[in-house]
Amino acid sequence: MGVERLRTVRGIETGIITGEDSVIVKRRAEKLKITEIHMGVKDKKKVLNHIMEKYNFNNDEIAYIGDDTNDIEVMNTVGLSACPADATIFARETADVIVENRGGYGAFRDFAELIIKLKY
């Protein structure tokens, strides 16, 4: 619902950059009509830079939610970063926002609703 609300309420598209290479993640992205899906990624910052160049985005136009050390470089680059309540201590120390819920239990939805509420 968070992905759909971002799209319909604010016209914001989402993407996935993950170190995982999972059929489940791919199917979920297809179901949600997420076209920017990058799986098995070792260098998330490089992928983010490619996406930003492709769509002509600036860093401050990107929001990102991550939960581990491999997300920190991206979290330090974007305009708004978040992590779930159960993220690693390193991600929690880096994030602009720590959402109330844990990963897999509504953390993305929390972040999506925060973005929707923001005035811009």
PDB file of N, CA and C in Angstrom:
ATOM      1  N   MET A   1       0.817  -1.202   0.000  1.00  0.00           N
ATOM      2  CA  MET A   1       0.000   0.000   0.000  1.00  0.00           C
ATOM      3  C   MET A   1       0.859   1.263   0.000  1.00  0.00           C
ATOM      4  N   GLY A   2       2.016   1.217   0.655  1.00  0.00           N
ATOM      5  CA  GLY A   2       2.891   2.388   0.684  1.00  0.00           C
ATOM      6  C   GLY A   2       3.355   2.792  -0.700  1.00  0.00           C
ATOM      7  N   VAL A   3       3.752   1.808  -1.507  1.00  0.00           N
ATOM      8  CA  VAL A   3       4.197   2.081  -2.884  1.00  0.00           C
ATOM      9  C   VAL A   3       3.060   2.699  -3.687  1.00  0.00           C
ATOM     10  N   GLU A   4       1.887   2.116  -3.587  1.00  0.00           N
ATOM     11  CA  GLU A   4       0.729   2.609  -4.335  1.00  0.00           C
ATOM     12  C   GLU A   4       0.330   4.014  -3.890  1.00  0.00           C
ATOM     13  N   ARG A   5       0.342   4.265  -2.591  1.00  0.00           N
ATOM     14  CA  ARG A   5      -0.017   5.603  -2.101  1.00  0.00           C
ATOM     15  C   ARG A   5       1.001   6.656  -2.530  1.00  0.00           C
ATOM     16  N   LEU A   6       2.281   6.325  -2.500  1.00  0.00           N
ATOM     17  CA  LEU A   6       3.282   7.281  -2.989  1.00  0.00           C
ATOM     18  C   LEU A   6       3.009   7.632  -4.444  1.00  0.00           C
ATOM     19  N   ARG A   7       2.683   6.622  -5.227  1.00  0.00           N
ATOM     20  CA  ARG A   7       2.434   6.811  -6.665  1.00  0.00           C
ATOM     21  C   ARG A   7       1.172   7.644  -6.904  1.00  0.00           C
ATOM     22  N   THR A   8       0.079   7.300  -6.237  1.00  0.00           N
ATOM     23  CA  THR A   8      -1.198   7.948  -6.540  1.00  0.00           C
ATOM     24  C   THR A   8      -1.393   9.287  -5.828  1.00  0.00           C
ATOM     25  N   VAL A   9      -0.932   9.391  -4.593  1.00  0.00           N
ATOM     26  CA  VAL A   9      -1.139  10.621  -3.820  1.00  0.00           C
ATOM     27  C   VAL A   9      -0.115  11.697  -4.179  1.00  0.00           C
ATOM     28  N   ARG A  10       1.142  11.290  -4.384  1.00  0.00           N
ATOM     29  CA  ARG A  10       2.214  12.264  -4.621  1.00  0.00           C
ATOM     30  C   ARG A  10       2.893  12.148  -5.975  1.00  0.00           C
ATOM     31  N   GLY A  11       2.549  11.127  -6.757  1.00  0.00           N
ATOM     32  CA  GLY A  11       3.201  10.957  -8.052  1.00  0.00           C
ATOM     33  C   GLY A  11       4.652  10.537  -7.933  1.00  0.00           C
ATOM     34  N   ILE A  12       4.976   9.855  -6.859  1.00  0.00           N
ATOM     35  CA  ILE A  12       6.357   9.424  -6.591  1.00  0.00           C
ATOM     36  C   ILE A  12       6.500   7.948  -6.934  1.00  0.00           C
ATOM     37  N   GLU A  13       7.482   7.655  -7.770  1.00  0.00           N
ATOM     38  CA  GLU A  13       7.795   6.265  -8.094  1.00  0.00           C
ATOM     39  C   GLU A  13       8.850   5.740  -7.136  1.00  0.00           C
ATOM     40  N   THR A  14       8.852   4.453  -6.925  1.00  0.00           N
ATOM     41  CA  THR A  14       9.813   3.827  -6.029  1.00  0.00           C
ATOM     42  C   THR A  14      10.685   2.854  -6.806  1.00  0.00           C
ATOM     43  N   GLY A  15      11.796   2.512  -6.210  1.00  0.00           N
ATOM     44  CA  GLY A  15      12.709   1.536  -6.784  1.00  0.00           C
ATOM     45  C   GLY A  15      13.296   0.682  -5.682  1.00  0.00           C
ATOM     46  N   ILE A  16      13.929  -0.387  -6.088  1.00  0.00           N
ATOM     47  CA  ILE A  16      14.563  -1.298  -5.142  1.00  0.00           C
ATOM     48  C   ILE A  16      16.020  -1.488  -5.556  1.00  0.00           C
ATOM     49  N   ILE A  17      16.903  -1.285  -4.589  1.00  0.00           N
ATOM     50  CA  ILE A  17      18.317  -1.607  -4.751  1.00  0.00           C
ATOM     51  C   ILE A  17      18.634  -2.558  -3.602  1.00  0.00           C
ATOM     52  N   THR A  18      18.953  -3.806  -3.918  1.00  0.00           N
ATOM     53  CA  THR A  18      19.176  -4.790  -2.877  1.00  0.00           C
ATOM     54  C   THR A  18      20.349  -5.698  -3.190  1.00  0.00           C
ATOM     55  N   GLY A  19      20.993  -6.122  -2.152  1.00  0.00           N
ATOM     56  CA  GLY A  19      22.057  -7.100  -2.290  1.00  0.00           C
ATOM     57  C   GLY A  19      21.511  -8.500  -2.505  1.00  0.00           C
ATOM     58  N   GLU A  20      20.246  -8.683  -2.190  1.00  0.00           N
ATOM     59  CA  GLU A  20      19.598  -9.986  -2.367  1.00  0.00           C
ATOM     60  C   GLU A  20      19.359 -10.266  -3.841  1.00  0.00           C
ATOM     61  N   ASP A  21      19.292 -11.540  -4.154  1.00  0.00           N
ATOM     62  CA  ASP A  21      18.925 -11.953  -5.507  1.00  0.00           C
ATOM     63  C   ASP A  21      17.814 -12.982  -5.337  1.00  0.00           C
ATOM     64  N   SER A  22      16.624 -12.491  -5.081  1.00  0.00           N
ATOM     65  CA  SER A  22      15.516 -13.327  -4.651  1.00  0.00           C
ATOM     66  C   SER A  22      14.340 -13.266  -5.626  1.00  0.00           C
ATOM     67  N   VAL A  23      13.815 -14.411  -5.938  1.00  0.00           N
ATOM     68  CA  VAL A  23      12.627 -14.494  -6.788  1.00  0.00           C
ATOM     69  C   VAL A  23      11.455 -13.798  -6.105  1.00  0.00           C
ATOM     70  N   ILE A  24      11.374 -13.900  -4.804  1.00  0.00           N
ATOM     71  CA  ILE A  24      10.283 -13.277  -4.040  1.00  0.00           C
ATOM     72  C   ILE A  24      10.322 -11.755  -4.208  1.00  0.00           C
ATOM     73  N   VAL A  25      11.507 -11.169  -4.099  1.00  0.00           N
ATOM     74  CA  VAL A  25      11.644  -9.716  -4.262  1.00  0.00           C
ATOM     75  C   VAL A  25      11.259  -9.318  -5.684  1.00  0.00           C
ATOM     76  N   LYS A  26      11.713 -10.081  -6.659  1.00  0.00           N
ATOM     77  CA  LYS A  26      11.391  -9.781  -8.060  1.00  0.00           C
ATOM     78  C   LYS A  26       9.889  -9.844  -8.301  1.00  0.00           C
ATOM     79  N   ARG A  27       9.231 -10.869  -7.796  1.00  0.00           N
ATOM     80  CA  ARG A  27       7.775 -10.984  -7.969  1.00  0.00           C
ATOM     81  C   ARG A  27       7.039  -9.847  -7.285  1.00  0.00           C
ATOM     82  N   ARG A  28       7.492  -9.484  -6.104  1.00  0.00           N
ATOM     83  CA  ARG A  28       6.856  -8.385  -5.368  1.00  0.00           C
ATOM     84  C   ARG A  28       6.979  -7.080  -6.156  1.00  0.00           C
ATOM     85  N   ALA A  29       8.155  -6.838  -6.697  1.00  0.00           N
ATOM     86  CA  ALA A  29       8.368  -5.625  -7.495  1.00  0.00           C
ATOM     87  C   ALA A  29       7.470  -5.620  -8.730  1.00  0.00           C
ATOM     88  N   GLU A  30       7.350  -6.751  -9.378  1.00  0.00           N
ATOM     89  CA  GLU A  30       6.473  -6.841 -10.553  1.00  0.00           C
ATOM     90  C   GLU A  30       5.026  -6.581 -10.167  1.00  0.00           C
ATOM     91  N   LYS A  31       4.590  -7.167  -9.056  1.00  0.00           N
ATOM     92  CA  LYS A  31       3.214  -6.967  -8.588  1.00  0.00           C
ATOM     93  C   LYS A  31       2.943  -5.490  -8.299  1.00  0.00           C
ATOM     94  N   LEU A  32       3.934  -4.815  -7.728  1.00  0.00           N
ATOM     95  CA  LEU A  32       3.783  -3.405  -7.372  1.00  0.00           C
ATOM     96  C   LEU A  32       4.102  -2.460  -8.529  1.00  0.00           C
ATOM     97  N   LYS A  33       4.444  -3.035  -9.692  1.00  0.00           N
ATOM     98  CA  LYS A  33       4.773  -2.250 -10.889  1.00  0.00           C
ATOM     99  C   LYS A  33       5.973  -1.331 -10.653  1.00  0.00           C
ATOM    100  N   ILE A  34       6.956  -1.848  -9.924  1.00  0.00           N
ATOM    101  CA  ILE A  34       8.210  -1.132  -9.694  1.00  0.00           C
ATOM    102  C   ILE A  34       9.148  -1.496 -10.843  1.00  0.00           C
ATOM    103  N   THR A  35       9.535  -0.505 -11.611  1.00  0.00           N
ATOM    104  CA  THR A  35      10.367  -0.786 -12.784  1.00  0.00           C
ATOM    105  C   THR A  35      11.855  -0.689 -12.486  1.00  0.00           C
ATOM    106  N   GLU A  36      12.236   0.102 -11.513  1.00  0.00           N
ATOM    107  CA  GLU A  36      13.653   0.208 -11.137  1.00  0.00           C
ATOM    108  C   GLU A  36      13.926  -0.818 -10.048  1.00  0.00           C
ATOM    109  N   ILE A  37      14.318  -2.016 -10.453  1.00  0.00           N
ATOM    110  CA  ILE A  37      14.676  -3.061  -9.501  1.00  0.00           C
ATOM    111  C   ILE A  37      16.078  -3.543  -9.824  1.00  0.00           C
ATOM    112  N   HIS A  38      16.935  -3.439  -8.849  1.00  0.00           N
ATOM    113  CA  HIS A  38      18.342  -3.799  -9.007  1.00  0.00           C
ATOM    114  C   HIS A  38      18.681  -4.796  -7.906  1.00  0.00           C
ATOM    115  N   MET A  39      18.878  -6.046  -8.294  1.00  0.00           N
ATOM    116  CA  MET A  39      19.109  -7.113  -7.329  1.00  0.00           C
ATOM    117  C   MET A  39      20.543  -7.630  -7.437  1.00  0.00           C
ATOM    118  N   GLY A  40      21.027  -8.209  -6.335  1.00  0.00           N
ATOM    119  CA  GLY A  40      22.384  -8.736  -6.299  1.00  0.00           C
ATOM    120  C   GLY A  40      23.438  -7.642  -6.374  1.00  0.00           C
ATOM    121  N   VAL A  41      23.092  -6.461  -5.872  1.00  0.00           N
ATOM    122  CA  VAL A  41      23.958  -5.284  -5.983  1.00  0.00           C
ATOM    123  C   VAL A  41      25.010  -5.282  -4.876  1.00  0.00           C
ATOM    124  N   LYS A  42      26.251  -5.082  -5.282  1.00  0.00           N
ATOM    125  CA  LYS A  42      27.354  -4.943  -4.325  1.00  0.00           C
ATOM    126  C   LYS A  42      27.642  -3.476  -4.024  1.00  0.00           C
ATOM    127  N   ASP A  43      27.484  -2.617  -5.026  1.00  0.00           N
ATOM    128  CA  ASP A  43      27.780  -1.192  -4.871  1.00  0.00           C
ATOM    129  C   ASP A  43      26.495  -0.384  -5.082  1.00  0.00           C
ATOM    130  N   LYS A  44      25.752  -0.182  -4.000  1.00  0.00           N
ATOM    131  CA  LYS A  44      24.464   0.499  -4.082  1.00  0.00           C
ATOM    132  C   LYS A  44      24.608   1.954  -4.504  1.00  0.00           C
ATOM    133  N   LYS A  45      25.667   2.609  -4.098  1.00  0.00           N
ATOM    134  CA  LYS A  45      25.888   4.013  -4.462  1.00  0.00           C
ATOM    135  C   LYS A  45      26.057   4.148  -5.971  1.00  0.00           C
ATOM    136  N   LYS A  46      26.755   3.233  -6.591  1.00  0.00           N
ATOM    137  CA  LYS A  46      26.938   3.253  -8.043  1.00  0.00           C
ATOM    138  C   LYS A  46      25.600   3.114  -8.757  1.00  0.00           C
ATOM    139  N   VAL A  47      24.758   2.215  -8.274  1.00  0.00           N
ATOM    140  CA  VAL A  47      23.430   2.036  -8.868  1.00  0.00           C
ATOM    141  C   VAL A  47      22.587   3.287  -8.659  1.00  0.00           C
ATOM    142  N   LEU A  48      22.629   3.848  -7.456  1.00  0.00           N
ATOM    143  CA  LEU A  48      21.889   5.085  -7.190  1.00  0.00           C
ATOM    144  C   LEU A  48      22.343   6.191  -8.144  1.00  0.00           C
ATOM    145  N   ASN A  49      23.646   6.339  -8.335  1.00  0.00           N
ATOM    146  CA  ASN A  49      24.151   7.363  -9.257  1.00  0.00           C
ATOM    147  C   ASN A  49      23.627   7.142 -10.672  1.00  0.00           C
ATOM    148  N   HIS A  50      23.563   5.904 -11.101  1.00  0.00           N
ATOM    149  CA  HIS A  50      23.026   5.580 -12.429  1.00  0.00           C
ATOM    150  C   HIS A  50      21.548   5.996 -12.529  1.00  0.00           C
ATOM    151  N   ILE A  51      20.772   5.678 -11.509  1.00  0.00           N
ATOM    152  CA  ILE A  51      19.345   6.038 -11.495  1.00  0.00           C
ATOM    153  C   ILE A  51      19.178   7.558 -11.524  1.00  0.00           C
ATOM    154  N   MET A  52      19.973   8.244 -10.707  1.00  0.00           N
ATOM    155  CA  MET A  52      19.873   9.701 -10.658  1.00  0.00           C
ATOM    156  C   MET A  52      20.220  10.320 -12.013  1.00  0.00           C
ATOM    157  N   GLU A  53      21.213   9.777 -12.671  1.00  0.00           N
ATOM    158  CA  GLU A  53      21.592  10.282 -13.991  1.00  0.00           C
ATOM    159  C   GLU A  53      20.495   9.981 -15.018  1.00  0.00           C
ATOM    160  N   LYS A  54      19.952   8.785 -14.965  1.00  0.00           N
ATOM    161  CA  LYS A  54      18.910   8.359 -15.903  1.00  0.00           C
ATOM    162  C   LYS A  54      17.684   9.266 -15.842  1.00  0.00           C
ATOM    163  N   TYR A  55      17.287   9.658 -14.623  1.00  0.00           N
ATOM    164  CA  TYR A  55      16.081  10.468 -14.440  1.00  0.00           C
ATOM    165  C   TYR A  55      16.375  11.942 -14.164  1.00  0.00           C
ATOM    166  N   ASN A  56      17.654  12.302 -14.203  1.00  0.00           N
ATOM    167  CA  ASN A  56      18.074  13.676 -13.954  1.00  0.00           C
ATOM    168  C   ASN A  56      17.634  14.163 -12.566  1.00  0.00           C
ATOM    169  N   PHE A  57      17.844  13.328 -11.555  1.00  0.00           N
ATOM    170  CA  PHE A  57      17.530  13.664 -10.162  1.00  0.00           C
ATOM    171  C   PHE A  57      18.769  14.208  -9.467  1.00  0.00           C
ATOM    172  N   ASN A  58      18.533  15.101  -8.516  1.00  0.00           N
ATOM    173  CA  ASN A  58      19.570  15.545  -7.587  1.00  0.00           C
ATOM    174  C   ASN A  58      19.471  14.699  -6.329  1.00  0.00           C
ATOM    175  N   ASN A  59      20.541  14.671  -5.546  1.00  0.00           N
ATOM    176  CA  ASN A  59      20.545  13.897  -4.295  1.00  0.00           C
ATOM    177  C   ASN A  59      19.365  14.255  -3.399  1.00  0.00           C
ATOM    178  N   ASP A  60      19.068  15.553  -3.311  1.00  0.00           N
ATOM    179  CA  ASP A  60      18.017  15.986  -2.392  1.00  0.00           C
ATOM    180  C   ASP A  60      16.611  15.619  -2.866  1.00  0.00           C
ATOM    181  N   GLU A  61      16.487  15.048  -4.051  1.00  0.00           N
ATOM    182  CA  GLU A  61      15.192  14.592  -4.561  1.00  0.00           C
ATOM    183  C   GLU A  61      14.960  13.104  -4.288  1.00  0.00           C
ATOM    184  N   ILE A  62      15.893  12.475  -3.600  1.00  0.00           N
ATOM    185  CA  ILE A  62      15.830  11.040  -3.349  1.00  0.00           C
ATOM    186  C   ILE A  62      15.615  10.780  -1.866  1.00  0.00           C
ATOM    187  N   ALA A  63      14.702   9.859  -1.578  1.00  0.00           N
ATOM    188  CA  ALA A  63      14.514   9.340  -0.214  1.00  0.00           C
ATOM    189  C   ALA A  63      14.883   7.861  -0.256  1.00  0.00           C
ATOM    190  N   TYR A  64      15.453   7.362   0.817  1.00  0.00           N
ATOM    191  CA  TYR A  64      15.967   5.991   0.832  1.00  0.00           C
ATOM    192  C   TYR A  64      15.774   5.399   2.221  1.00  0.00           C
ATOM    193  N   ILE A  65      15.350   4.154   2.258  1.00  0.00           N
ATOM    194  CA  ILE A  65      15.259   3.441   3.519  1.00  0.00           C
ATOM    195  C   ILE A  65      16.159   2.217   3.432  1.00  0.00           C
ATOM    196  N   GLY A  66      17.004   2.062   4.436  1.00  0.00           N
ATOM    197  CA  GLY A  66      17.933   0.939   4.487  1.00  0.00           C
ATOM    198  C   GLY A  66      18.119   0.484   5.925  1.00  0.00           C
ATOM    199  N   ASP A  67      18.671  -0.710   6.076  1.00  0.00           N
ATOM    200  CA  ASP A  67      18.744  -1.261   7.429  1.00  0.00           C
ATOM    201  C   ASP A  67      20.095  -1.811   7.849  1.00  0.00           C
ATOM    202  N   ASP A  68      21.118  -1.693   6.989  1.00  0.00           N
ATOM    203  CA  ASP A  68      22.389  -2.326   7.335  1.00  0.00           C
ATOM    204  C   ASP A  68      23.569  -1.493   6.851  1.00  0.00           C
ATOM    205  N   THR A  69      24.762  -1.986   7.126  1.00  0.00           N
ATOM    206  CA  THR A  69      25.969  -1.227   6.810  1.00  0.00           C
ATOM    207  C   THR A  69      26.129  -0.976   5.312  1.00  0.00           C
ATOM    208  N   ASN A  70      25.637  -1.881   4.469  1.00  0.00           N
ATOM    209  CA  ASN A  70      25.758  -1.671   3.026  1.00  0.00           C
ATOM    210  C   ASN A  70      24.812  -0.591   2.499  1.00  0.00           C
ATOM    211  N   ASP A  71      24.000  -0.010   3.353  1.00  0.00           N
ATOM    212  CA  ASP A  71      23.098   1.078   2.977  1.00  0.00           C
ATOM    213  C   ASP A  71      23.626   2.456   3.394  1.00  0.00           C
ATOM    214  N   ILE A  72      24.607   2.479   4.252  1.00  0.00           N
ATOM    215  CA  ILE A  72      25.044   3.738   4.870  1.00  0.00           C
ATOM    216  C   ILE A  72      25.562   4.757   3.860  1.00  0.00           C
ATOM    217  N   GLU A  73      26.347   4.329   2.884  1.00  0.00           N
ATOM    218  CA  GLU A  73      26.872   5.276   1.897  1.00  0.00           C
ATOM    219  C   GLU A  73      25.737   5.961   1.138  1.00  0.00           C
ATOM    220  N   VAL A  74      24.725   5.192   0.763  1.00  0.00           N
ATOM    221  CA  VAL A  74      23.568   5.770   0.078  1.00  0.00           C
ATOM    222  C   VAL A  74      22.794   6.671   1.037  1.00  0.00           C
ATOM    223  N   MET A  75      22.602   6.227   2.263  1.00  0.00           N
ATOM    224  CA  MET A  75      21.863   7.028   3.244  1.00  0.00           C
ATOM    225  C   MET A  75      22.522   8.380   3.466  1.00  0.00           C
ATOM    226  N   ASN A  76      23.845   8.412   3.410  1.00  0.00           N
ATOM    227  CA  ASN A  76      24.576   9.676   3.576  1.00  0.00           C
ATOM    228  C   ASN A  76      24.517  10.565   2.340  1.00  0.00           C
ATOM    229  N   THR A  77      24.054  10.034   1.223  1.00  0.00           N
ATOM    230  CA  THR A  77      24.033  10.755  -0.049  1.00  0.00           C
ATOM    231  C   THR A  77      22.698  11.413  -0.340  1.00  0.00           C
ATOM    232  N   VAL A  78      21.611  10.790   0.073  1.00  0.00           N
ATOM    233  CA  VAL A  78      20.270  11.224  -0.333  1.00  0.00           C
ATOM    234  C   VAL A  78      19.745  12.371   0.521  1.00  0.00           C
ATOM    235  N   GLY A  79      18.648  12.956   0.058  1.00  0.00           N
ATOM    236  CA  GLY A  79      18.035  14.071   0.762  1.00  0.00           C
ATOM    237  C   GLY A  79      17.333  13.671   2.044  1.00  0.00           C
ATOM    238  N   LEU A  80      16.762  12.467   2.081  1.00  0.00           N
ATOM    239  CA  LEU A  80      16.055  11.988   3.266  1.00  0.00           C
ATOM    240  C   LEU A  80      16.297  10.491   3.397  1.00  0.00           C
ATOM    241  N   SER A  81      16.850  10.094   4.531  1.00  0.00           N
ATOM    242  CA  SER A  81      17.113   8.673   4.757  1.00  0.00           C
ATOM    243  C   SER A  81      16.356   8.186   5.980  1.00  0.00           C
ATOM    244  N   ALA A  82      16.027   6.912   5.944  1.00  0.00           N
ATOM    245  CA  ALA A  82      15.311   6.308   7.058  1.00  0.00           C
ATOM    246  C   ALA A  82      15.793   4.875   7.246  1.00  0.00           C
ATOM    247  N   CYS A  83      15.441   4.331   8.393  1.00  0.00           N
ATOM    248  CA  CYS A  83      15.696   2.918   8.647  1.00  0.00           C
ATOM    249  C   CYS A  83      14.586   2.391   9.536  1.00  0.00           C
ATOM    250  N   PRO A  84      14.369   1.069   9.507  1.00  0.00           N
ATOM    251  CA  PRO A  84      13.382   0.469  10.396  1.00  0.00           C
ATOM    252  C   PRO A  84      13.884   0.462  11.839  1.00  0.00           C
ATOM    253  N   ALA A  85      12.978   0.257  12.745  1.00  0.00           N
ATOM    254  CA  ALA A  85      13.307   0.244  14.170  1.00  0.00           C
ATOM    255  C   ALA A  85      14.332  -0.826  14.517  1.00  0.00           C
ATOM    256  N   ASP A  86      14.368  -1.918  13.773  1.00  0.00           N
ATOM    257  CA  ASP A  86      15.285  -3.018  14.075  1.00  0.00           C
ATOM    258  C   ASP A  86      16.539  -3.019  13.206  1.00  0.00           C
ATOM    259  N   ALA A  87      16.847  -1.889  12.594  1.00  0.00           N
ATOM    260  CA  ALA A  87      18.054  -1.781  11.769  1.00  0.00           C
ATOM    261  C   ALA A  87      19.296  -1.905  12.644  1.00  0.00           C
ATOM    262  N   THR A  88      20.430  -2.126  11.992  1.00  0.00           N
ATOM    263  CA  THR A  88      21.690  -2.170  12.735  1.00  0.00           C
ATOM    264  C   THR A  88      21.934  -0.819  13.397  1.00  0.00           C
ATOM    265  N   ILE A  89      22.753  -0.834  14.427  1.00  0.00           N
ATOM    266  CA  ILE A  89      23.085   0.401  15.129  1.00  0.00           C
ATOM    267  C   ILE A  89      23.709   1.406  14.158  1.00  0.00           C
ATOM    268  N   PHE A  90      24.492   0.924  13.194  1.00  0.00           N
ATOM    269  CA  PHE A  90      25.150   1.806  12.224  1.00  0.00           C
ATOM    270  C   PHE A  90      24.125   2.522  11.343  1.00  0.00           C
ATOM    271  N   ALA A  91      23.116   1.808  10.905  1.00  0.00           N
ATOM    272  CA  ALA A  91      22.060   2.427  10.099  1.00  0.00           C
ATOM    273  C   ALA A  91      21.248   3.394  10.950  1.00  0.00           C
ATOM    274  N   ARG A  92      20.944   3.023  12.182  1.00  0.00           N
ATOM    275  CA  ARG A  92      20.173   3.923  13.054  1.00  0.00           C
ATOM    276  C   ARG A  92      20.937   5.206  13.341  1.00  0.00           C
ATOM    277  N   GLU A  93      22.246   5.120  13.492  1.00  0.00           N
ATOM    278  CA  GLU A  93      23.049   6.331  13.736  1.00  0.00           C
ATOM    279  C   GLU A  93      23.125   7.225  12.499  1.00  0.00           C
ATOM    280  N   THR A  94      22.947   6.655  11.318  1.00  0.00           N
ATOM    281  CA  THR A  94      23.057   7.396  10.063  1.00  0.00           C
ATOM    282  C   THR A  94      21.737   8.006   9.604  1.00  0.00           C
ATOM    283  N   ALA A  95      20.642   7.317   9.850  1.00  0.00           N
ATOM    284  CA  ALA A  95      19.326   7.699   9.311  1.00  0.00           C
ATOM    285  C   ALA A  95      18.856   9.047   9.833  1.00  0.00           C
ATOM    286  N   ASP A  96      18.185   9.791   8.945  1.00  0.00           N
ATOM    287  CA  ASP A  96      17.506  11.016   9.363  1.00  0.00           C
ATOM    288  C   ASP A  96      16.287  10.670  10.213  1.00  0.00           C
ATOM    289  N   VAL A  97      15.650   9.549   9.881  1.00  0.00           N
ATOM    290  CA  VAL A  97      14.416   9.127  10.548  1.00  0.00           C
ATOM    291  C   VAL A  97      14.517   7.635  10.859  1.00  0.00           C
ATOM    292  N   ILE A  98      14.145   7.269  12.064  1.00  0.00           N
ATOM    293  CA  ILE A  98      13.982   5.859  12.423  1.00  0.00           C
ATOM    294  C   ILE A  98      12.480   5.645  12.559  1.00  0.00           C
ATOM    295  N   VAL A  99      11.927   4.838  11.659  1.00  0.00           N
ATOM    296  CA  VAL A  99      10.480   4.631  11.692  1.00  0.00           C
ATOM    297  C   VAL A  99      10.110   3.673  12.823  1.00  0.00           C
ATOM    298  N   GLU A 100       8.857   3.697  13.180  1.00  0.00           N
ATOM    299  CA  GLU A 100       8.381   2.951  14.343  1.00  0.00           C
ATOM    300  C   GLU A 100       8.433   1.434  14.157  1.00  0.00           C
ATOM    301  N   ASN A 101       8.107   0.975  12.961  1.00  0.00           N
ATOM    302  CA  ASN A 101       7.998  -0.472  12.746  1.00  0.00           C
ATOM    303  C   ASN A 101       9.312  -1.113  12.316  1.00  0.00           C
ATOM    304  N   ARG A 102       9.361  -2.430  12.446  1.00  0.00           N
ATOM    305  CA  ARG A 102      10.515  -3.220  12.047  1.00  0.00           C
ATOM    306  C   ARG A 102      10.444  -3.530  10.552  1.00  0.00           C
ATOM    307  N   GLY A 103      11.585  -3.887   9.995  1.00  0.00           N
ATOM    308  CA  GLY A 103      11.640  -4.298   8.598  1.00  0.00           C
ATOM    309  C   GLY A 103      10.741  -5.498   8.361  1.00  0.00           C
ATOM    310  N   GLY A 104       9.955  -5.431   7.298  1.00  0.00           N
ATOM    311  CA  GLY A 104       9.026  -6.515   6.994  1.00  0.00           C
ATOM    312  C   GLY A 104       7.718  -6.435   7.753  1.00  0.00           C
ATOM    313  N   TYR A 105       7.609  -5.440   8.632  1.00  0.00           N
ATOM    314  CA  TYR A 105       6.404  -5.285   9.453  1.00  0.00           C
ATOM    315  C   TYR A 105       5.861  -3.863   9.400  1.00  0.00           C
ATOM    316  N   GLY A 106       5.977  -3.233   8.237  1.00  0.00           N
ATOM    317  CA  GLY A 106       5.387  -1.915   8.065  1.00  0.00           C
ATOM    318  C   GLY A 106       6.362  -0.756   8.045  1.00  0.00           C
ATOM    319  N   ALA A 107       7.662  -1.023   8.084  1.00  0.00           N
ATOM    320  CA  ALA A 107       8.640   0.067   8.091  1.00  0.00           C
ATOM    321  C   ALA A 107       8.561   0.909   6.820  1.00  0.00           C
ATOM    322  N   PHE A 108       8.471   0.262   5.659  1.00  0.00           N
ATOM    323  CA  PHE A 108       8.380   1.029   4.417  1.00  0.00           C
ATOM    324  C   PHE A 108       7.104   1.859   4.396  1.00  0.00           C
ATOM    325  N   ARG A 109       6.017   1.299   4.841  1.00  0.00           N
ATOM    326  CA  ARG A 109       4.746   2.039   4.864  1.00  0.00           C
ATOM    327  C   ARG A 109       4.867   3.261   5.765  1.00  0.00           C
ATOM    328  N   ASP A 110       5.517   3.104   6.925  1.00  0.00           N
ATOM    329  CA  ASP A 110       5.745   4.248   7.812  1.00  0.00           C
ATOM    330  C   ASP A 110       6.478   5.363   7.073  1.00  0.00           C
ATOM    331  N   PHE A 111       7.530   4.989   6.357  1.00  0.00           N
ATOM    332  CA  PHE A 111       8.332   5.975   5.639  1.00  0.00           C
ATOM    333  C   PHE A 111       7.522   6.606   4.514  1.00  0.00           C
ATOM    334  N   ALA A 112       6.772   5.798   3.787  1.00  0.00           N
ATOM    335  CA  ALA A 112       5.932   6.310   2.704  1.00  0.00           C
ATOM    336  C   ALA A 112       4.940   7.340   3.235  1.00  0.00           C
ATOM    337  N   GLU A 113       4.297   7.052   4.341  1.00  0.00           N
ATOM    338  CA  GLU A 113       3.318   7.986   4.906  1.00  0.00           C
ATOM    339  C   GLU A 113       3.981   9.275   5.374  1.00  0.00           C
ATOM    340  N   LEU A 114       5.197   9.184   5.901  1.00  0.00           N
ATOM    341  CA  LEU A 114       5.936  10.382   6.283  1.00  0.00           C
ATOM    342  C   LEU A 114       6.206  11.246   5.057  1.00  0.00           C
ATOM    343  N   ILE A 115       6.642  10.623   3.975  1.00  0.00           N
ATOM    344  CA  ILE A 115       6.914  11.358   2.731  1.00  0.00           C
ATOM    345  C   ILE A 115       5.638  12.005   2.200  1.00  0.00           C
ATOM    346  N   ILE A 116       4.544  11.286   2.232  1.00  0.00           N
ATOM    347  CA  ILE A 116       3.264  11.825   1.765  1.00  0.00           C
ATOM    348  C   ILE A 116       2.855  13.042   2.566  1.00  0.00           C
ATOM    349  N   LYS A 117       3.103  13.023   3.861  1.00  0.00           N
ATOM    350  CA  LYS A 117       2.720  14.133   4.737  1.00  0.00           C
ATOM    351  C   LYS A 117       3.611  15.365   4.574  1.00  0.00           C
ATOM    352  N   LEU A 118       4.835  15.176   4.071  1.00  0.00           N
ATOM    353  CA  LEU A 118       5.746  16.302   3.929  1.00  0.00           C
ATOM    354  C   LEU A 118       5.204  17.347   2.960  1.00  0.00           C
ATOM    355  N   LYS A 119       5.417  18.586   3.291  1.00  0.00           N
ATOM    356  CA  LYS A 119       5.046  19.679   2.395  1.00  0.00           C
ATOM    357  C   LYS A 119       6.252  19.997   1.535  1.00  0.00           C
ATOM    358  N   TYR A 120       6.034  20.029   0.224  1.00  0.00           N
ATOM    359  CA  TYR A 120       7.127  20.393  -0.687  1.00  0.00           C
ATOM    360  C   TYR A 120       6.596  21.137  -1.867  1.00  0.00           C
TER     361      TYR A 120
END
